[in-house]
C-alpha atoms as a PDB file:
ATOM      1  CA  MET A   1      27.776 129.165  30.490  1.00  0.00           C
ATOM      2  CA  ALA A   2      27.833 133.195  31.316  1.00  0.00           C
ATOM      3  CA  ASN A   3      24.092 132.910  29.503  1.00  0.00           C
ATOM      4  CA  GLU A   4      22.628 130.651  31.409  1.00  0.00           C
ATOM      5  CA  VAL A   5      19.915 132.535  33.458  1.00  0.00           C
ATOM      6  CA  LYS A   6      18.680 130.910  36.091  1.00  0.00           C
ATOM      7  CA  ASP A   7      15.221 130.796  37.017  1.00  0.00           C
ATOM      8  CA  ILE A   8      13.589 131.607  39.974  1.00  0.00           C
ATOM      9  CA  GLY A   9      10.976 130.541  40.658  1.00  0.00           C
ATOM     10  CA  ILE A  10       9.043 133.724  40.356  1.00  0.00           C
ATOM     11  CA  ASP A  11       6.657 135.083  37.666  1.00  0.00           C
ATOM     12  CA  VAL A  12      10.491 138.145  36.786  1.00  0.00           C
ATOM     13  CA  ARG A  13      12.212 139.236  33.718  1.00  0.00           C
ATOM     14  CA  ALA A  14      15.137 138.071  32.976  1.00  0.00           C
ATOM     15  CA  PRO A  15      17.889 140.822  32.107  1.00  0.00           C
ATOM     16  CA  GLU A  16      19.362 140.540  29.391  1.00  0.00           C
ATOM     17  CA  SER A  17      23.179 140.512  30.391  1.00  0.00           C
ATOM     18  CA  ALA A  18      25.150 138.659  32.390  1.00  0.00           C
ATOM     19  CA  CYS A  19      27.114 139.247  35.597  1.00  0.00           C
ATOM     20  CA  THR A  20      29.389 137.102  37.778  1.00  0.00           C
ATOM     21  CA  ASP A  21      28.093 138.502  40.916  1.00  0.00           C
ATOM     22  CA  LYS A  22      27.483 135.484  43.294  1.00  0.00           C
ATOM     23  CA  HIS A  23      24.205 137.426  45.278  1.00  0.00           C
ATOM     24  CA  CYS A  24      22.462 137.519  41.876  1.00  0.00           C
ATOM     25  CA  PRO A  25      19.321 135.848  42.183  1.00  0.00           C
ATOM     26  CA  PHE A  26      20.026 134.785  38.128  1.00  0.00           C
ATOM     27  CA  HIS A  27      23.711 133.828  37.318  1.00  0.00           C
ATOM     28  CA  GLY A  28      24.581 133.418  40.909  1.00  0.00           C
ATOM     29  CA  GLN A  29      24.065 130.798  44.557  1.00  0.00           C
ATOM     30  CA  LEU A  30      21.441 133.693  46.022  1.00  0.00           C
ATOM     31  CA  SER A  31      17.942 132.151  46.630  1.00  0.00           C
ATOM     32  CA  VAL A  32      15.167 134.450  47.554  1.00  0.00           C
ATOM     33  CA  LYS A  33      11.270 134.128  49.542  1.00  0.00           C
ATOM     34  CA  GLY A  34       9.325 135.458  50.947  1.00  0.00           C
ATOM     35  CA  GLN A  35       8.180 139.367  50.794  1.00  0.00           C
ATOM     36  CA  THR A  36       7.584 140.830  46.889  1.00  0.00           C
ATOM     37  CA  ILE A  37       7.350 143.951  47.407  1.00  0.00           C
ATOM     38  CA  GLU A  38       7.542 147.156  44.661  1.00  0.00           C
ATOM     39  CA  GLY A  39       9.233 150.750  45.448  1.00  0.00           C
ATOM     40  CA  VAL A  40      11.293 153.096  43.187  1.00  0.00           C
ATOM     41  CA  VAL A  41      15.813 153.364  43.411  1.00  0.00           C
ATOM     42  CA  ILE A  42      15.515 156.505  45.315  1.00  0.00           C
ATOM     43  CA  SER A  43      19.510 155.989  46.387  1.00  0.00           C
ATOM     44  CA  THR A  44      22.631 154.168  44.322  1.00  0.00           C
ATOM     45  CA  LYS A  45      25.657 155.803  46.100  1.00  0.00           C
ATOM     46  CA  MET A  46      26.597 152.206  47.383  1.00  0.00           C
ATOM     47  CA  ASP A  47      28.656 149.652  46.010  1.00  0.00           C
ATOM     48  CA  LYS A  48      25.882 147.132  44.994  1.00  0.00           C
ATOM     49  CA  THR A  49      23.653 148.354  47.172  1.00  0.00           C
ATOM     50  CA  ALA A  50      20.554 151.017  46.330  1.00  0.00           C
ATOM     51  CA  VAL A  51      18.179 152.732  48.894  1.00  0.00           C
ATOM     52  CA  VAL A  52      14.355 152.074  47.823  1.00  0.00           C
ATOM     53  CA  GLU A  53      11.678 153.788  48.735  1.00  0.00           C
ATOM     54  CA  ARG A  54       8.005 152.535  49.109  1.00  0.00           C
ATOM     55  CA  ASP A  55       4.039 154.794  50.008  1.00  0.00           C
ATOM     56  CA  TYR A  56       1.511 152.641  51.492  1.00  0.00           C
ATOM     57  CA  LEU A  57      -1.452 154.195  53.363  1.00  0.00           C
ATOM     58  CA  LYS A  58      -2.387 153.491  57.380  1.00  0.00           C
ATOM     59  CA  TYR A  59      -5.261 152.924  58.395  1.00  0.00           C
ATOM     60  CA  GLN A  60      -7.205 155.261  61.681  1.00  0.00           C
ATOM     61  CA  GLY A  61      -9.653 154.479  62.928  1.00  0.00           C
ATOM     62  CA  LYS A  62      -9.026 156.801  65.606  1.00  0.00           C
ATOM     63  CA  TYR A  63     -10.406 159.526  62.896  1.00  0.00           C
ATOM     64  CA  GLU A  64     -11.503 156.536  60.165  1.00  0.00           C
ATOM     65  CA  ARG A  65      -8.956 158.382  57.677  1.00  0.00           C
ATOM     66  CA  TYR A  66      -6.160 156.259  55.841  1.00  0.00           C
ATOM     67  CA  GLU A  67      -2.427 158.402  56.337  1.00  0.00           C
ATOM     68  CA  LYS A  68       0.503 157.637  54.232  1.00  0.00           C
ATOM     69  CA  ARG A  69       4.000 156.227  55.017  1.00  0.00           C
ATOM     70  CA  THR A  70       7.001 155.884  53.844  1.00  0.00           C
ATOM     71  CA  SER A  71       9.647 152.685  53.928  1.00  0.00           C
ATOM     72  CA  HIS A  72      13.172 152.647  52.791  1.00  0.00           C
ATOM     73  CA  TYR A  73      14.791 149.366  52.600  1.00  0.00           C
ATOM     74  CA  SER A  74      18.225 149.083  51.842  1.00  0.00           C
ATOM     75  CA  VAL A  75      18.550 146.120  49.098  1.00  0.00           C
ATOM     76  CA  HIS A  76      21.337 144.638  46.907  1.00  0.00           C
ATOM     77  CA  ASN A  77      21.727 145.883  43.365  1.00  0.00           C
ATOM     78  CA  PRO A  78      22.902 143.351  40.452  1.00  0.00           C
ATOM     79  CA  PRO A  79      25.094 144.718  38.185  1.00  0.00           C
ATOM     80  CA  CYS A  80      23.246 142.741  35.636  1.00  0.00           C
ATOM     81  CA  LEU A  81      19.557 145.114  35.874  1.00  0.00           C
ATOM     82  CA  GLY A  82      21.400 147.981  35.393  1.00  0.00           C
ATOM     83  CA  VAL A  83      18.859 149.392  37.544  1.00  0.00           C
ATOM     84  CA  LYS A  84      20.186 153.995  38.028  1.00  0.00           C
ATOM     85  CA  ALA A  85      17.940 155.527  41.034  1.00  0.00           C
ATOM     86  CA  GLY A  86      14.782 156.636  40.192  1.00  0.00           C
ATOM     87  CA  ASP A  87      13.698 153.329  39.023  1.00  0.00           C
ATOM     88  CA  ARG A  88      10.133 151.332  40.052  1.00  0.00           C
ATOM     89  CA  VAL A  89      11.587 148.578  41.224  1.00  0.00           C
ATOM     90  CA  ARG A  90      10.742 145.082  42.094  1.00  0.00           C
ATOM     91  CA  ILE A  91      12.708 143.689  45.277  1.00  0.00           C
ATOM     92  CA  MET A  92      11.646 140.103  46.886  1.00  0.00           C
ATOM     93  CA  GLU A  93      13.773 139.292  49.666  1.00  0.00           C
ATOM     94  CA  CYS A  94      16.361 136.734  51.098  1.00  0.00           C
ATOM     95  CA  ARG A  95      18.697 135.489  53.978  1.00  0.00           C
ATOM     96  CA  PRO A  96      20.832 138.573  55.810  1.00  0.00           C
ATOM     97  CA  LEU A  97      24.059 139.786  53.066  1.00  0.00           C
ATOM     98  CA  SER A  98      24.658 142.524  55.772  1.00  0.00           C
ATOM     99  CA  LYS A  99      23.497 144.279  58.494  1.00  0.00           C
ATOM    100  CA  THR A 100      21.314 146.249  56.421  1.00  0.00           C
ATOM    101  CA  VAL A 101      20.658 144.297  53.850  1.00  0.00           C
ATOM    102  CA  SER A 102      18.245 141.359  53.303  1.00  0.00           C
ATOM    103  CA  PHE A 103      16.257 142.198  49.833  1.00  0.00           C
ATOM    104  CA  VAL A 104      17.555 141.833  46.085  1.00  0.00           C
ATOM    105  CA  ILE A 105      16.327 144.197  43.816  1.00  0.00           C
ATOM    106  CA  VAL A 106      14.690 140.663  41.097  1.00  0.00           C
ATOM    107  CA  GLU A 107      12.829 142.954  38.445  1.00  0.00           C
ATOM    108  CA  LYS A 108      13.180 146.788  36.860  1.00  0.00           C
ATOM    109  CA  ARG A 109      10.224 147.264  36.000  1.00  0.00           C
END
């Protein structure tokens, strides 16, 4: 029972280790929906929460060029994935878990 992994509806590798986190999409009751974003973990200092940085380009029509932009996301970090700072991850949208956390890590790349 503890090692059962739930199908979350997208094509990602399931974690090998199990966890008892109720907000884990694989072993808990949290459902994922909406956006899928890839980024780099820059901090894991909070309890079960990580900060993910996403770099992207925004087009500036006046100058007909692109500018680099960066976004930071506070995301839930399930313990079964074993994510550390510097890892590339895929995050998905979920229901709000706290004031700033509305995404969860679903895959370590």
